[in-house]
Amino acid sequence: MKAPRFRKEAAVFFFFFCLLAVCQTFPTPADRDTLMILEQFQFTGGNLLTTEKELQVNYILKKIKGKEIMEGMKTGKFAPAMHFFRAKELIEQSPVFNIIQMMPKGAGLHLHEYALLSVDWLVKNATYLPNCYICFTPVGGVRFHYFHRMQQRKMVNCSEWVLLEQYRRQIQNVTEFDNSLMRNLTLITENPEEAYQSQNIIWQRFSDAFAAASSLISYAPVFKTYFYEALKEFYHDNVQYIEIRALLLPVYELDGTLQNKTWSIMAYHEVARQFKDDHPDFMGTKVIFSVHRKSNNTEMKTAIYEAMELYNKFPETMAGFDMVGHEDAGHPLWYFRNELSIPAKLGVKLPYFFHAGETDWEGVHVDENILDALLLNTSRIGHGYSINKHLVAKQLSQKLDVALEVCPISNQVLMLVSNLQNHPAAALMAEGHPMVISADDPAVFGARGLSYDFYEAFMGIGGLKAELTTLRQLALNSINYSAMSAQMKVEAIKLWQKKWDQFLDAVVHMFNSDEL
């Protein structure tokens, strides 16, 4: 649960009082202990009460975590300090990662619709459907489309369409070809520093991977199945609820019929309902309608009116509105202030969930998004990577209880930070700033669900100070800061608590603390 504000303020007052009392020329060990206790109390989850079982599991977790960190210090091979593409195998061997996989993580609140599900499913299933065609771009990319032969139409900057079923019959090594398709759908490479020498280069490759994936997922039969399978993958990673940013681009049928945004929202609702029927301990999903930040003012105005209409018609499924795309290359939020003010002027509710501060530039127009997002009454801040450079924004975020959606692997792969021990969220976690952990685009990064990002946050961003209470607070935050109704949150926390208790029992059963 969220820490009561008065407890936080009292802790800060007590902190400074104790500083005055213990700071002296000859400090005692007790003085040092006092400061360390105060620091731990301020840390994310530091003021949560713990049960006997939680203390037992925390002892186990700290022992295992400590060994892993000490080994990393000794060998210089520490996963959060390495690029994720190299660290993934090391992470998967970690007992800490195994525990995090077992843990109920609550909600994934920052995810994009075309990068939810591992790409091997797309290649092994979607590309083997009848009527699936492929074309090749001049830069080595691919695009897909499903249609009858007589309906083929050449795509700009792509080769002639080739029926995949026939193409596979003509090549000798189908396995290698399918592996090449998977590489086109992700950013994974053996030497990321050489392949991606600037943020602009990796964002271009990122956009290309999205375009390839969307050309498969935008086919109506794939669209629904893909989302169901994505929910299954998150469910198996012990995630109980997700919110996705969705562009709601046209979905097409085999005969060329295009489905609109209403159809897509209804499809998301239908699939989520079916999944919940099949998995009663899953809490559901919501959609944040998003448009590209390179849109012009007219397009943004149209999108805002569409968003208001969809939010009014589908309150159970629609969470609100956002803008997506490379923040450095798009328009800043202030550019659209008139369009984004329309709901307030009309007295219409439309929650915002703005990406802001996903940049390492300082003082330029894009750097002001973090302030403008708060001015525009955002419900959460996507990434918020630059917030430590904006003291006023950080204070406002804390005072207004606006959580940051921290996506560690995304920030590293997209070249904002190389060593996750140096991630700005480390300072925020140290002071218990409102935050949740999410995965952004796990499929494009070669991850699954939330566990990899939770591991990076727990081991790298939090360091040894992050304990079981940190994980518990982050999971509870994800529910409390979600777009669920108040009643749904009560039910979700009740469900989560049951799973949490089962998780504690499982960890105790798996590890003998006397042998650690």
Protein backbone atom coordinates (compact mmCIF):
# COMPACT_ATOMS: atom_id res chain seq x y z
CA MET A 1 0.00 0.00 0.00
CA LYS A 2 1.09 3.62 -0.45
CA ALA A 3 2.97 5.10 2.47
CA PRO A 4 0.83 7.71 4.26
CA ARG A 5 2.13 11.18 3.43
CA PHE A 6 2.34 12.33 7.06
CA ARG A 7 4.60 9.38 7.88
CA LYS A 8 6.98 10.37 5.10
CA GLU A 9 7.04 14.03 6.21
CA ALA A 10 7.55 13.01 9.82
CA ALA A 11 10.41 10.76 8.76
CA VAL A 12 12.10 13.63 6.92
CA PHE A 13 11.75 15.91 9.95
CA PHE A 14 13.08 13.19 12.23
CA PHE A 15 15.94 12.59 9.80
CA PHE A 16 17.21 16.16 10.00
CA PHE A 17 16.68 16.25 13.76
CA CYS A 18 18.83 13.17 14.14
CA LEU A 19 21.48 14.60 11.83
CA LEU A 20 21.88 17.56 14.17
CA ALA A 21 22.04 15.22 17.12
CA VAL A 22 24.61 12.72 15.84
CA CYS A 23 26.87 14.74 13.52
CA GLN A 24 29.94 15.41 15.64
CA THR A 25 33.70 15.20 15.59
CA PHE A 26 33.82 11.75 17.20
CA PRO A 27 30.77 9.78 15.99
CA THR A 28 29.94 6.52 17.71
CA PRO A 29 28.85 3.26 16.03
CA ALA A 30 25.37 3.95 17.39
CA ASP A 31 25.31 7.32 15.60
CA ARG A 32 26.25 5.60 12.34
CA ASP A 33 23.58 2.95 12.86
CA THR A 34 21.00 5.69 13.37
CA LEU A 35 21.79 7.28 10.02
CA MET A 36 21.70 3.92 8.25
CA ILE A 37 18.33 3.09 9.80
CA LEU A 38 16.96 6.46 8.69
CA GLU A 39 18.21 5.87 5.15
CA GLN A 40 16.60 2.43 5.05
CA PHE A 41 13.32 3.86 6.33
CA GLN A 42 13.26 6.37 3.47
CA PHE A 43 13.98 3.66 0.89
CA THR A 44 11.13 2.25 -1.23
CA GLY A 45 9.28 -0.19 1.03
CA GLY A 46 11.42 0.75 4.01
CA ASN A 47 8.48 1.71 6.22
CA LEU A 48 6.35 -1.36 5.51
CA LEU A 49 5.56 -3.62 8.45
CA THR A 50 6.68 -7.22 7.98
CA THR A 51 5.36 -10.57 9.13
CA GLU A 52 7.49 -13.36 10.58
CA LYS A 53 7.28 -15.23 7.27
CA GLU A 54 8.40 -12.13 5.37
CA LEU A 55 11.37 -11.72 7.70
CA GLN A 56 12.28 -15.34 7.05
CA VAL A 57 12.07 -14.93 3.28
CA ASN A 58 13.93 -11.62 3.44
CA TYR A 59 16.79 -13.37 5.25
CA ILE A 60 16.94 -15.98 2.49
CA LEU A 61 16.73 -13.38 -0.26
CA LYS A 62 19.40 -11.12 1.25
CA LYS A 63 21.81 -14.04 1.63
CA ILE A 64 21.36 -15.12 -1.99
CA LYS A 65 21.46 -11.56 -3.28
CA GLY A 66 24.54 -10.73 -1.24
CA LYS A 67 26.42 -13.71 -2.65
CA GLU A 68 25.52 -12.69 -6.19
CA ILE A 69 26.60 -9.09 -5.70
CA MET A 70 29.85 -10.08 -3.98
CA GLU A 71 30.60 -12.46 -6.86
CA GLY A 72 29.94 -9.62 -9.31
CA MET A 73 32.32 -7.34 -7.40
CA LYS A 74 34.97 -10.05 -7.40
CA THR A 75 34.73 -11.08 -11.06
CA GLY A 76 33.57 -7.80 -12.58
CA LYS A 77 30.74 -9.73 -14.22
CA PHE A 78 27.54 -8.24 -12.81
CA ALA A 79 24.38 -8.43 -14.93
CA PRO A 80 22.97 -4.91 -14.29
CA ALA A 81 26.35 -3.42 -15.25
CA MET A 82 26.28 -5.32 -18.56
CA HIS A 83 24.22 -4.70 -21.68
CA PHE A 84 21.03 -6.75 -21.39
CA PHE A 85 21.75 -8.65 -24.60
CA ARG A 86 24.89 -10.02 -22.93
CA ALA A 87 23.45 -10.19 -19.42
CA LYS A 88 20.27 -12.13 -20.21
CA GLU A 89 21.87 -15.57 -19.97
CA LEU A 90 23.57 -14.62 -16.71
CA ILE A 91 20.28 -13.33 -15.31
CA GLU A 92 18.51 -16.57 -16.16
CA GLN A 93 21.08 -18.49 -14.09
CA SER A 94 20.45 -16.32 -11.03
CA PRO A 95 18.59 -17.73 -7.99
CA VAL A 96 17.40 -14.16 -7.33
CA PHE A 97 15.81 -14.09 -10.78
CA ASN A 98 14.16 -17.42 -10.04
CA ILE A 99 12.60 -15.96 -6.89
CA ILE A 100 11.44 -12.86 -8.76
CA GLN A 101 9.80 -15.05 -11.41
CA MET A 102 7.86 -16.81 -8.64
CA MET A 103 6.76 -13.54 -7.07
CA PRO A 104 3.34 -12.00 -7.84
CA LYS A 105 4.30 -8.71 -9.46
CA GLY A 106 0.90 -7.06 -9.64
CA ALA A 107 0.47 -4.95 -12.77
CA GLY A 108 2.47 -4.03 -15.85
CA LEU A 109 1.59 -0.39 -16.49
CA HIS A 110 3.95 0.62 -19.31
CA LEU A 111 3.69 -1.71 -22.31
CA HIS A 112 3.19 -1.24 -26.06
CA GLU A 113 0.78 -3.31 -28.10
CA TYR A 114 3.16 -4.56 -30.82
CA ALA A 115 5.89 -5.70 -28.42
CA LEU A 116 4.02 -7.68 -25.77
CA LEU A 117 4.63 -11.27 -26.84
CA SER A 118 7.89 -13.07 -27.61
CA VAL A 119 8.62 -12.88 -31.33
CA ASP A 120 9.13 -16.62 -31.70
CA TRP A 121 5.35 -17.00 -31.39
CA LEU A 122 4.81 -14.56 -34.25
CA VAL A 123 7.29 -16.33 -36.51
CA LYS A 124 6.24 -19.90 -35.65
CA ASN A 125 2.52 -19.18 -35.81
CA ALA A 126 1.53 -15.98 -37.63
CA THR A 127 3.97 -16.37 -40.55
CA TYR A 128 2.80 -19.95 -41.14
CA LEU A 129 -0.83 -18.99 -41.64
CA PRO A 130 -2.26 -19.30 -45.17
CA ASN A 131 -2.07 -16.22 -47.41
CA CYS A 132 0.91 -14.69 -45.57
CA TYR A 133 3.17 -12.74 -47.93
CA ILE A 134 6.56 -11.14 -47.31
CA CYS A 135 8.54 -8.36 -48.97
CA PHE A 136 12.09 -7.16 -48.30
CA THR A 137 13.20 -3.56 -47.78
CA PRO A 138 16.42 -2.06 -49.22
CA VAL A 139 17.98 -1.93 -45.72
CA GLY A 140 17.36 -5.61 -45.01
CA GLY A 141 14.05 -5.29 -43.19
CA VAL A 142 10.84 -7.20 -43.85
CA ARG A 143 7.12 -6.47 -44.06
CA PHE A 144 4.22 -8.91 -44.08
CA HIS A 145 0.67 -8.89 -45.38
CA TYR A 146 -2.19 -11.34 -45.74
CA PHE A 147 -4.31 -11.22 -48.90
CA HIS A 148 -5.61 -13.20 -51.85
CA ARG A 149 -3.25 -13.38 -54.83
CA MET A 150 -5.46 -11.20 -56.99
CA GLN A 151 -5.41 -8.44 -54.36
CA GLN A 152 -1.64 -8.00 -54.18
CA ARG A 153 -0.40 -4.41 -54.21
CA LYS A 154 3.25 -3.43 -54.05
CA MET A 155 4.41 -1.63 -50.93
CA VAL A 156 6.57 1.48 -51.26
CA ASN A 157 10.27 0.81 -50.56
CA CYS A 158 9.77 -2.94 -50.53
CA SER A 159 10.30 -5.77 -53.01
CA GLU A 160 7.54 -7.65 -54.79
CA TRP A 161 5.33 -9.69 -52.48
CA VAL A 162 6.24 -13.37 -52.14
CA LEU A 163 3.96 -16.02 -50.66
CA LEU A 164 5.82 -17.30 -47.60
CA GLU A 165 4.53 -20.84 -48.00
CA GLN A 166 6.13 -21.04 -51.47
CA TYR A 167 9.27 -19.17 -50.42
CA ARG A 168 9.98 -21.62 -47.60
CA ARG A 169 9.67 -24.54 -50.03
CA GLN A 170 12.38 -22.98 -52.22
CA ILE A 171 15.03 -22.40 -49.56
CA GLN A 172 17.33 -25.03 -48.06
CA ASN A 173 17.49 -23.91 -44.44
CA VAL A 174 14.04 -22.92 -43.19
CA THR A 175 15.22 -22.80 -39.58
CA GLU A 176 17.87 -20.18 -40.36
CA PHE A 177 15.34 -18.19 -42.40
CA ASP A 178 12.89 -18.19 -39.49
CA ASN A 179 15.71 -17.12 -37.17
CA SER A 180 16.41 -14.21 -39.53
CA LEU A 181 12.75 -13.19 -39.28
CA MET A 182 13.04 -13.20 -35.49
CA ARG A 183 16.12 -10.97 -35.73
CA ASN A 184 14.10 -8.52 -37.83
CA LEU A 185 11.50 -8.35 -35.07
CA THR A 186 13.95 -7.55 -32.27
CA LEU A 187 16.97 -5.35 -31.57
CA ILE A 188 19.06 -8.29 -30.38
CA THR A 189 22.61 -8.37 -31.71
CA GLU A 190 25.92 -9.81 -30.49
CA ASN A 191 27.65 -6.43 -30.46
CA PRO A 192 25.10 -3.69 -29.70
CA GLU A 193 27.74 -0.99 -29.25
CA GLU A 194 28.97 -1.55 -32.80
CA ALA A 195 25.52 -2.04 -34.35
CA TYR A 196 23.92 0.97 -32.64
CA GLN A 197 26.37 3.85 -32.43
CA SER A 198 23.81 6.55 -31.66
CA GLN A 199 20.31 6.93 -30.28
CA ASN A 200 19.04 7.98 -33.70
CA ILE A 201 20.37 4.76 -35.26
CA ILE A 202 18.83 2.48 -32.66
CA TRP A 203 15.49 4.33 -32.75
CA GLN A 204 15.37 3.87 -36.53
CA ARG A 205 16.02 0.15 -36.09
CA PHE A 206 13.47 0.09 -33.26
CA SER A 207 10.83 1.65 -35.52
CA ASP A 208 11.64 -0.86 -38.26
CA ALA A 209 11.13 -3.79 -35.89
CA PHE A 210 7.78 -2.32 -34.80
CA ALA A 211 6.69 -1.88 -38.42
CA ALA A 212 7.52 -5.51 -39.17
CA ALA A 213 5.64 -6.77 -36.11
CA SER A 214 2.61 -4.55 -36.71
CA SER A 215 2.31 -5.80 -40.30
CA LEU A 216 1.62 -9.25 -38.83
CA ILE A 217 -0.40 -8.26 -35.78
CA SER A 218 -2.71 -5.91 -37.72
CA TYR A 219 -4.28 -8.90 -39.49
CA ALA A 220 -7.59 -9.49 -37.67
CA PRO A 221 -7.20 -13.25 -36.95
CA VAL A 222 -3.66 -12.66 -35.63
CA PHE A 223 -4.66 -9.53 -33.68
CA LYS A 224 -6.94 -11.34 -31.24
CA THR A 225 -4.84 -14.48 -30.87
CA TYR A 226 -1.68 -12.44 -30.35
CA PHE A 227 -3.25 -10.47 -27.51
CA TYR A 228 -4.57 -13.63 -25.83
CA GLU A 229 -1.13 -15.26 -26.04
CA ALA A 230 0.48 -12.08 -24.70
CA LEU A 231 -1.82 -12.12 -21.69
CA LYS A 232 -0.87 -15.76 -21.17
CA GLU A 233 2.84 -14.92 -21.23
CA PHE A 234 2.39 -12.19 -18.60
CA TYR A 235 0.14 -14.45 -16.54
CA HIS A 236 2.80 -17.17 -16.52
CA ASP A 237 5.27 -14.53 -15.32
CA ASN A 238 2.96 -13.93 -12.34
CA VAL A 239 1.55 -10.62 -13.54
CA GLN A 240 -2.11 -10.10 -12.65
CA TYR A 241 -3.07 -7.09 -14.79
CA ILE A 242 -1.66 -4.99 -17.65
CA GLU A 243 -2.23 -1.62 -19.28
CA ILE A 244 -1.08 -1.19 -22.87
CA ARG A 245 -0.36 1.84 -25.01
CA ALA A 246 -2.16 1.19 -28.30
CA LEU A 247 -2.09 3.24 -31.49
CA LEU A 248 -5.36 1.57 -32.55
CA LEU A 249 -4.23 1.47 -36.17
CA PRO A 250 -6.64 -0.09 -38.70
CA VAL A 251 -6.91 -3.87 -38.42
CA TYR A 252 -7.57 -5.60 -41.74
CA GLU A 253 -9.42 -8.71 -42.88
CA LEU A 254 -8.29 -11.07 -45.63
CA ASP A 255 -10.67 -9.45 -48.11
CA GLY A 256 -9.14 -6.02 -47.42
CA THR A 257 -11.87 -4.73 -45.10
CA LEU A 258 -10.44 -2.29 -42.54
CA GLN A 259 -11.67 -2.30 -38.96
CA ASN A 260 -11.73 0.97 -37.01
CA LYS A 261 -10.66 1.98 -33.50
CA THR A 262 -13.99 0.97 -31.99
CA TRP A 263 -13.54 -2.55 -33.37
CA SER A 264 -10.04 -2.73 -31.85
CA ILE A 265 -11.18 -1.57 -28.40
CA MET A 266 -14.03 -4.07 -28.48
CA ALA A 267 -11.59 -6.79 -29.56
CA TYR A 268 -9.26 -6.00 -26.65
CA HIS A 269 -12.24 -6.10 -24.29
CA GLU A 270 -13.51 -9.38 -25.71
CA VAL A 271 -10.12 -11.10 -25.53
CA ALA A 272 -9.45 -9.83 -22.00
CA ARG A 273 -12.86 -11.05 -20.84
CA GLN A 274 -12.26 -14.46 -22.39
CA PHE A 275 -8.83 -14.69 -20.80
CA LYS A 276 -10.25 -13.75 -17.41
CA ASP A 277 -12.95 -16.40 -17.79
CA ASP A 278 -10.21 -18.93 -18.51
CA HIS A 279 -7.97 -17.60 -15.71
CA PRO A 280 -10.18 -16.27 -12.86
CA ASP A 281 -7.16 -15.07 -10.87
CA PHE A 282 -6.22 -12.58 -13.61
CA MET A 283 -7.53 -9.07 -12.96
CA GLY A 284 -7.86 -7.79 -16.53
CA THR A 285 -6.43 -5.14 -18.83
CA LYS A 286 -6.96 -1.56 -19.97
CA VAL A 287 -5.94 0.37 -23.07
CA ILE A 288 -4.26 3.78 -23.23
CA PHE A 289 -5.05 5.17 -26.69
CA SER A 290 -1.87 6.69 -28.07
CA VAL A 291 -0.84 8.76 -31.09
CA HIS A 292 2.60 9.53 -32.46
CA ARG A 293 4.21 12.69 -31.13
CA LYS A 294 5.13 13.66 -34.71
CA SER A 295 1.42 14.28 -35.42
CA ASN A 296 0.41 17.80 -36.43
CA ASN A 297 -2.06 19.96 -34.49
CA THR A 298 -5.04 18.99 -36.64
CA GLU A 299 -4.32 15.29 -36.24
CA MET A 300 -3.88 15.72 -32.50
CA LYS A 301 -7.20 17.56 -32.19
CA THR A 302 -8.95 14.74 -34.04
CA ALA A 303 -7.25 12.17 -31.80
CA ILE A 304 -8.34 13.98 -28.62
CA TYR A 305 -11.98 13.96 -29.72
CA GLU A 306 -11.68 10.27 -30.65
CA ALA A 307 -10.14 9.53 -27.27
CA MET A 308 -12.93 11.32 -25.40
CA GLU A 309 -15.54 9.38 -27.36
CA LEU A 310 -13.82 6.03 -26.77
CA TYR A 311 -13.32 6.76 -23.07
CA ASN A 312 -17.01 7.60 -22.74
CA LYS A 313 -18.17 4.51 -24.67
CA PHE A 314 -15.74 1.99 -23.16
CA PRO A 315 -14.92 3.08 -19.59
CA GLU A 316 -14.11 -0.50 -18.55
CA THR A 317 -11.46 -0.87 -21.25
CA MET A 318 -10.18 2.63 -22.03
CA ALA A 319 -7.80 4.08 -19.44
CA GLY A 320 -6.88 7.33 -21.15
CA PHE A 321 -4.53 8.98 -23.65
CA ASP A 322 -0.80 9.31 -24.37
CA MET A 323 1.73 10.19 -27.08
CA VAL A 324 4.43 7.76 -28.19
CA GLY A 325 7.57 7.72 -30.32
CA HIS A 326 11.12 8.99 -29.97
CA GLU A 327 10.74 11.91 -27.59
CA ASP A 328 13.82 13.77 -28.85
CA ALA A 329 12.56 13.69 -32.45
CA GLY A 330 8.91 14.55 -31.84
CA HIS A 331 6.93 17.60 -30.80
CA PRO A 332 7.06 18.52 -27.10
CA LEU A 333 3.87 18.35 -25.05
CA TRP A 334 3.63 22.15 -24.92
CA TYR A 335 3.30 22.22 -28.72
CA PHE A 336 -0.10 20.52 -28.27
CA ARG A 337 -1.24 22.45 -25.18
CA ASN A 338 -4.38 23.78 -26.91
CA GLU A 339 -5.44 20.36 -28.15
CA LEU A 340 -4.62 18.67 -24.84
CA SER A 341 -6.67 21.31 -22.99
CA ILE A 342 -9.85 20.49 -24.93
CA PRO A 343 -11.23 17.91 -22.45
CA ALA A 344 -10.80 20.28 -19.50
CA LYS A 345 -12.45 23.14 -21.39
CA LEU A 346 -15.39 20.90 -22.27
CA GLY A 347 -15.62 19.48 -18.77
CA VAL A 348 -14.98 15.98 -20.12
CA LYS A 349 -12.86 13.45 -18.26
CA LEU A 350 -9.88 12.06 -20.19
CA PRO A 351 -6.98 10.84 -18.03
CA TYR A 352 -3.48 11.37 -19.41
CA PHE A 353 -0.53 9.00 -19.04
CA PHE A 354 2.23 10.95 -20.74
CA HIS A 355 5.63 9.70 -21.77
CA ALA A 356 7.95 12.42 -20.48
CA GLY A 357 11.63 12.77 -19.69
CA GLU A 358 12.77 9.81 -21.81
CA THR A 359 15.82 11.84 -22.77
CA ASP A 360 19.32 12.67 -21.62
CA TRP A 361 19.32 16.15 -23.20
CA GLU A 362 19.14 18.99 -20.71
CA GLY A 363 17.67 22.44 -21.18
CA VAL A 364 16.24 21.84 -24.67
CA HIS A 365 12.50 21.87 -25.44
CA VAL A 366 12.08 18.10 -25.05
CA ASP A 367 13.57 18.33 -21.56
CA GLU A 368 10.58 20.43 -20.47
CA ASN A 369 8.09 17.61 -21.12
CA ILE A 370 8.52 16.41 -17.55
CA LEU A 371 7.16 19.73 -16.23
CA ASP A 372 4.47 20.05 -18.88
CA ALA A 373 3.19 16.53 -18.20
CA LEU A 374 2.52 17.55 -14.59
CA LEU A 375 0.97 20.86 -15.67
CA LEU A 376 -1.37 18.89 -17.94
CA ASN A 377 -2.41 16.73 -14.97
CA THR A 378 -0.88 13.44 -16.07
CA SER A 379 -1.92 10.45 -13.98
CA ARG A 380 1.51 8.81 -14.30
CA ILE A 381 4.77 9.68 -16.04
CA GLY A 382 6.12 7.27 -18.63
CA HIS A 383 9.83 6.78 -17.89
CA GLY A 384 10.57 10.16 -16.26
CA TYR A 385 14.26 9.39 -16.75
CA SER A 386 15.28 13.06 -16.55
CA ILE A 387 13.26 14.00 -13.46
CA ASN A 388 16.30 14.29 -11.19
CA LYS A 389 17.39 17.30 -13.27
CA HIS A 390 14.12 19.05 -12.41
CA LEU A 391 13.81 19.60 -8.67
CA VAL A 392 10.41 21.30 -8.98
CA ALA A 393 9.03 18.49 -11.14
CA LYS A 394 10.35 15.89 -8.72
CA GLN A 395 8.79 17.68 -5.76
CA LEU A 396 5.48 18.05 -7.63
CA SER A 397 5.49 14.40 -8.62
CA GLN A 398 6.04 13.44 -4.98
CA LYS A 399 3.45 15.88 -3.61
CA LEU A 400 0.80 15.00 -6.20
CA ASP A 401 1.61 11.29 -5.85
CA VAL A 402 2.25 10.90 -9.58
CA ALA A 403 4.23 7.70 -10.10
CA LEU A 404 7.03 7.21 -12.59
CA GLU A 405 6.85 4.15 -14.85
CA VAL A 406 10.48 3.00 -14.69
CA CYS A 407 11.58 0.66 -17.51
CA PRO A 408 15.22 -0.25 -16.80
CA ILE A 409 15.99 -2.51 -19.77
CA SER A 410 14.38 -0.13 -22.25
CA ASN A 411 16.41 2.80 -20.90
CA GLN A 412 19.60 0.79 -21.27
CA VAL A 413 18.95 -0.73 -24.70
CA LEU A 414 17.82 2.64 -26.11
CA MET A 415 21.09 4.13 -24.88
CA LEU A 416 20.05 6.46 -22.06
CA VAL A 417 22.24 4.60 -19.55
CA SER A 418 24.79 1.81 -19.93
CA ASN A 419 25.23 0.59 -16.34
CA LEU A 420 21.88 0.24 -14.56
CA GLN A 421 23.58 0.85 -11.22
CA ASN A 422 23.79 4.45 -12.46
CA HIS A 423 20.12 4.71 -13.42
CA PRO A 424 18.49 7.90 -12.05
CA ALA A 425 15.81 5.78 -10.39
CA ALA A 426 18.44 4.70 -7.84
CA ALA A 427 18.21 8.13 -6.20
CA LEU A 428 14.42 8.08 -6.45
CA MET A 429 14.23 4.64 -4.87
CA ALA A 430 16.48 5.85 -2.05
CA GLU A 431 13.90 8.48 -1.11
CA GLY A 432 10.81 6.36 -1.70
CA HIS A 433 9.61 8.35 -4.72
CA PRO A 434 6.34 7.07 -6.27
CA MET A 435 7.29 4.55 -8.95
CA VAL A 436 6.38 1.31 -10.64
CA ILE A 437 8.55 -1.08 -12.65
CA SER A 438 7.52 -2.06 -16.16
CA ALA A 439 8.97 -3.57 -19.34
CA ASP A 440 8.04 -1.13 -22.14
CA ASP A 441 8.69 -3.39 -25.17
CA PRO A 442 9.86 -6.76 -23.83
CA ALA A 443 9.51 -8.65 -27.11
CA VAL A 444 11.80 -6.24 -28.99
CA PHE A 445 14.43 -6.53 -26.25
CA GLY A 446 14.26 -10.33 -26.02
CA ALA A 447 12.63 -10.33 -22.58
CA ARG A 448 9.37 -11.86 -21.35
CA GLY A 449 6.87 -10.37 -18.92
CA LEU A 450 8.17 -8.18 -16.09
CA SER A 451 10.68 -10.43 -14.30
CA TYR A 452 13.77 -9.26 -16.17
CA ASP A 453 13.04 -5.60 -15.44
CA PHE A 454 12.21 -6.38 -11.81
CA TYR A 455 15.54 -8.19 -11.52
CA GLU A 456 17.48 -5.25 -13.00
CA ALA A 457 15.68 -2.83 -10.68
CA PHE A 458 16.15 -5.00 -7.60
CA MET A 459 19.79 -5.89 -8.20
CA GLY A 460 21.14 -2.88 -10.08
CA ILE A 461 19.02 0.16 -9.27
CA GLY A 462 18.25 -0.83 -5.68
CA GLY A 463 21.54 -2.54 -4.88
CA LEU A 464 21.97 -4.30 -1.55
CA LYS A 465 19.60 -1.88 0.17
CA ALA A 466 16.64 -3.20 -1.82
CA GLU A 467 15.00 -5.96 0.20
CA LEU A 468 11.83 -8.03 0.11
CA THR A 469 9.85 -5.00 1.29
CA THR A 470 11.09 -3.13 -1.80
CA LEU A 471 9.67 -5.81 -4.08
CA ARG A 472 6.45 -5.83 -2.09
CA GLN A 473 6.09 -2.04 -2.29
CA LEU A 474 6.75 -2.01 -6.04
CA ALA A 475 4.11 -4.69 -6.62
CA LEU A 476 1.56 -2.86 -4.46
CA ASN A 477 2.41 0.42 -6.20
CA SER A 478 1.59 -1.14 -9.55
CA ILE A 479 -1.95 -1.86 -8.38
CA ASN A 480 -2.49 1.41 -6.51
CA TYR A 481 -1.24 3.57 -9.40
CA SER A 482 -3.15 1.63 -12.05
CA ALA A 483 -6.25 2.88 -13.84
CA MET A 484 -8.41 0.28 -12.12
CA SER A 485 -11.48 1.50 -10.26
CA ALA A 486 -11.26 1.79 -6.47
CA GLN A 487 -13.28 -1.40 -6.06
CA MET A 488 -11.12 -3.28 -8.56
CA LYS A 489 -8.01 -2.19 -6.67
CA VAL A 490 -9.43 -3.59 -3.43
CA GLU A 491 -10.13 -6.90 -5.17
CA ALA A 492 -6.74 -6.89 -6.89
CA ILE A 493 -4.84 -6.31 -3.64
CA LYS A 494 -6.82 -9.06 -1.95
CA LEU A 495 -5.95 -11.45 -4.79
CA TRP A 496 -2.34 -10.29 -4.81
CA GLN A 497 -2.01 -10.80 -1.04
CA LYS A 498 -3.20 -14.39 -1.38
CA LYS A 499 -0.61 -15.01 -4.09
CA TRP A 500 2.05 -13.22 -2.02
CA ASP A 501 1.45 -15.51 0.95
CA GLN A 502 1.71 -18.55 -1.34
CA PHE A 503 4.92 -17.13 -2.78
CA LEU A 504 6.44 -16.75 0.70
CA ASP A 505 5.61 -20.36 1.53
CA ALA A 506 7.13 -21.54 -1.74
CA VAL A 507 10.41 -19.68 -1.13
CA VAL A 508 10.73 -21.06 2.40
CA HIS A 509 10.02 -24.56 1.09
CA MET A 510 12.58 -24.18 -1.72
CA PHE A 511 15.45 -22.82 0.35
CA ASN A 512 16.80 -24.04 3.67
CA SER A 513 17.97 -20.85 5.37
CA ASP A 514 20.36 -22.81 7.62
CA GLU A 515 22.31 -23.97 4.58
CA LEU A 516 22.68 -20.53 2.97
